[in-house]
Amino acid sequence: MKKTILTSIIYISLLLVLLPTLSTAKGFTLKISVDNLRDSKGVVQFALYNKDGTIPDEKYQKQYRKHVEKISNNRSV
């Protein structure tokens, strides 16, 4: 009985330690597309924020992830 409880505690502890790592692992995708832009030149900056109080961020210093994509045919993906 004690061995089963100890084993369960170890497994739960490992799960709690590894869970944040597993949830931030690469494997998730987010696709954003913007249509009907005024120009076919230039770039669009996409910024993803994950904490309260980080928006607005006009200088892009508090973002979680940022991606810059060229505009082509009045569209950016």
C-alpha atoms as a PDB file:
ATOM      1  CA  MET A   1       0.000   0.000   0.000  1.00  0.00           C
ATOM      2  CA  LYS A   2       2.767   2.471   0.930  1.00  0.00           C
ATOM      3  CA  LYS A   3       4.653   1.571  -2.252  1.00  0.00           C
ATOM      4  CA  THR A   4       1.573   2.299  -4.395  1.00  0.00           C
ATOM      5  CA  ILE A   5       1.015   5.667  -2.732  1.00  0.00           C
ATOM      6  CA  LEU A   6       4.692   6.593  -3.087  1.00  0.00           C
ATOM      7  CA  THR A   7       4.688   5.571  -6.755  1.00  0.00           C
ATOM      8  CA  SER A   8       1.538   7.617  -7.369  1.00  0.00           C
ATOM      9  CA  ILE A   9       3.081  10.667  -5.690  1.00  0.00           C
ATOM     10  CA  ILE A  10       6.204  10.333  -7.852  1.00  0.00           C
ATOM     11  CA  TYR A  11       4.150  10.057 -11.061  1.00  0.00           C
ATOM     12  CA  ILE A  12       1.987  13.040 -10.139  1.00  0.00           C
ATOM     13  CA  SER A  13       5.071  15.097  -9.240  1.00  0.00           C
ATOM     14  CA  LEU A  14       6.699  14.274 -12.581  1.00  0.00           C
ATOM     15  CA  LEU A  15       3.519  15.166 -14.409  1.00  0.00           C
ATOM     16  CA  LEU A  16       3.292  18.529 -12.644  1.00  0.00           C
ATOM     17  CA  VAL A  17       6.924  19.284 -13.472  1.00  0.00           C
ATOM     18  CA  LEU A  18       6.673  18.196 -17.127  1.00  0.00           C
ATOM     19  CA  LEU A  19       3.221  19.584 -17.927  1.00  0.00           C
ATOM     20  CA  PRO A  20       4.322  23.207 -18.509  1.00  0.00           C
ATOM     21  CA  THR A  21       7.090  21.947 -20.790  1.00  0.00           C
ATOM     22  CA  LEU A  22       4.707  19.792 -22.781  1.00  0.00           C
ATOM     23  CA  SER A  23       2.162  22.559 -23.230  1.00  0.00           C
ATOM     24  CA  THR A  24       4.783  24.961 -24.661  1.00  0.00           C
ATOM     25  CA  ALA A  25       6.298  22.381 -26.969  1.00  0.00           C
ATOM     26  CA  LYS A  26       6.266  23.132 -30.662  1.00  0.00           C
ATOM     27  CA  GLY A  27       3.435  21.445 -32.399  1.00  0.00           C
ATOM     28  CA  PHE A  28       0.794  24.144 -32.430  1.00  0.00           C
ATOM     29  CA  THR A  29       0.245  26.324 -35.475  1.00  0.00           C
ATOM     30  CA  LEU A  30      -1.498  29.616 -35.941  1.00  0.00           C
ATOM     31  CA  LYS A  31      -2.179  30.875 -39.447  1.00  0.00           C
ATOM     32  CA  ILE A  32      -3.254  34.468 -39.999  1.00  0.00           C
ATOM     33  CA  SER A  33      -4.031  35.945 -43.386  1.00  0.00           C
ATOM     34  CA  VAL A  34      -4.900  39.533 -44.217  1.00  0.00           C
ATOM     35  CA  ASP A  35      -6.687  40.319 -47.473  1.00  0.00           C
ATOM     36  CA  ASN A  36      -7.661  43.529 -49.281  1.00  0.00           C
ATOM     37  CA  LEU A  37      -4.633  45.559 -48.208  1.00  0.00           C
ATOM     38  CA  ARG A  38      -4.288  48.957 -49.898  1.00  0.00           C
ATOM     39  CA  ASP A  39      -0.810  48.256 -51.269  1.00  0.00           C
ATOM     40  CA  SER A  40       1.090  45.369 -52.779  1.00  0.00           C
ATOM     41  CA  LYS A  41       4.374  46.682 -51.369  1.00  0.00           C
ATOM     42  CA  GLY A  42       5.758  46.660 -47.872  1.00  0.00           C
ATOM     43  CA  VAL A  43       5.340  44.333 -44.921  1.00  0.00           C
ATOM     44  CA  VAL A  44       2.811  43.420 -42.257  1.00  0.00           C
ATOM     45  CA  GLN A  45       3.951  42.743 -38.696  1.00  0.00           C
ATOM     46  CA  PHE A  46       2.049  40.147 -36.725  1.00  0.00           C
ATOM     47  CA  ALA A  47       2.531  40.210 -32.942  1.00  0.00           C
ATOM     48  CA  LEU A  48       1.201  37.687 -30.446  1.00  0.00           C
ATOM     49  CA  TYR A  49       0.842  38.658 -26.784  1.00  0.00           C
ATOM     50  CA  ASN A  50       0.317  36.262 -23.877  1.00  0.00           C
ATOM     51  CA  LYS A  51       0.337  38.464 -20.750  1.00  0.00           C
ATOM     52  CA  ASP A  52      -2.022  41.079 -19.382  1.00  0.00           C
ATOM     53  CA  GLY A  53      -0.744  44.620 -19.586  1.00  0.00           C
ATOM     54  CA  THR A  54       1.486  44.092 -22.630  1.00  0.00           C
ATOM     55  CA  ILE A  55      -0.872  45.767 -25.087  1.00  0.00           C
ATOM     56  CA  PRO A  56      -0.560  48.459 -26.425  1.00  0.00           C
ATOM     57  CA  ASP A  57       3.070  47.908 -27.354  1.00  0.00           C
ATOM     58  CA  GLU A  58       3.834  50.335 -30.169  1.00  0.00           C
ATOM     59  CA  LYS A  59       7.564  49.523 -30.210  1.00  0.00           C
ATOM     60  CA  TYR A  60       7.077  45.713 -30.243  1.00  0.00           C
ATOM     61  CA  GLN A  61       9.089  45.112 -27.071  1.00  0.00           C
ATOM     62  CA  LYS A  62       6.610  43.092 -24.981  1.00  0.00           C
ATOM     63  CA  GLN A  63       5.345  40.557 -27.514  1.00  0.00           C
ATOM     64  CA  TYR A  64       5.479  36.815 -27.027  1.00  0.00           C
ATOM     65  CA  ARG A  65       6.146  36.172 -30.720  1.00  0.00           C
ATOM     66  CA  LYS A  66       6.522  38.499 -33.697  1.00  0.00           C
ATOM     67  CA  HIS A  67       6.530  37.710 -37.403  1.00  0.00           C
ATOM     68  CA  VAL A  68       7.100  40.047 -40.348  1.00  0.00           C
ATOM     69  CA  GLU A  69       5.668  39.017 -43.714  1.00  0.00           C
ATOM     70  CA  LYS A  70       5.850  40.708 -47.116  1.00  0.00           C
ATOM     71  CA  ILE A  71       2.707  41.956 -48.831  1.00  0.00           C
ATOM     72  CA  SER A  72       1.996  40.338 -52.188  1.00  0.00           C
ATOM     73  CA  ASN A  73      -1.072  40.986 -54.372  1.00  0.00           C
ATOM     74  CA  ASN A  74      -2.682  43.106 -51.633  1.00  0.00           C
ATOM     75  CA  ARG A  75      -2.469  40.142 -49.251  1.00  0.00           C
ATOM     76  CA  SER A  76      -0.228  38.814 -46.484  1.00  0.00           C
ATOM     77  CA  VAL A  77      -0.174  35.343 -44.949  1.00  0.00           C
END
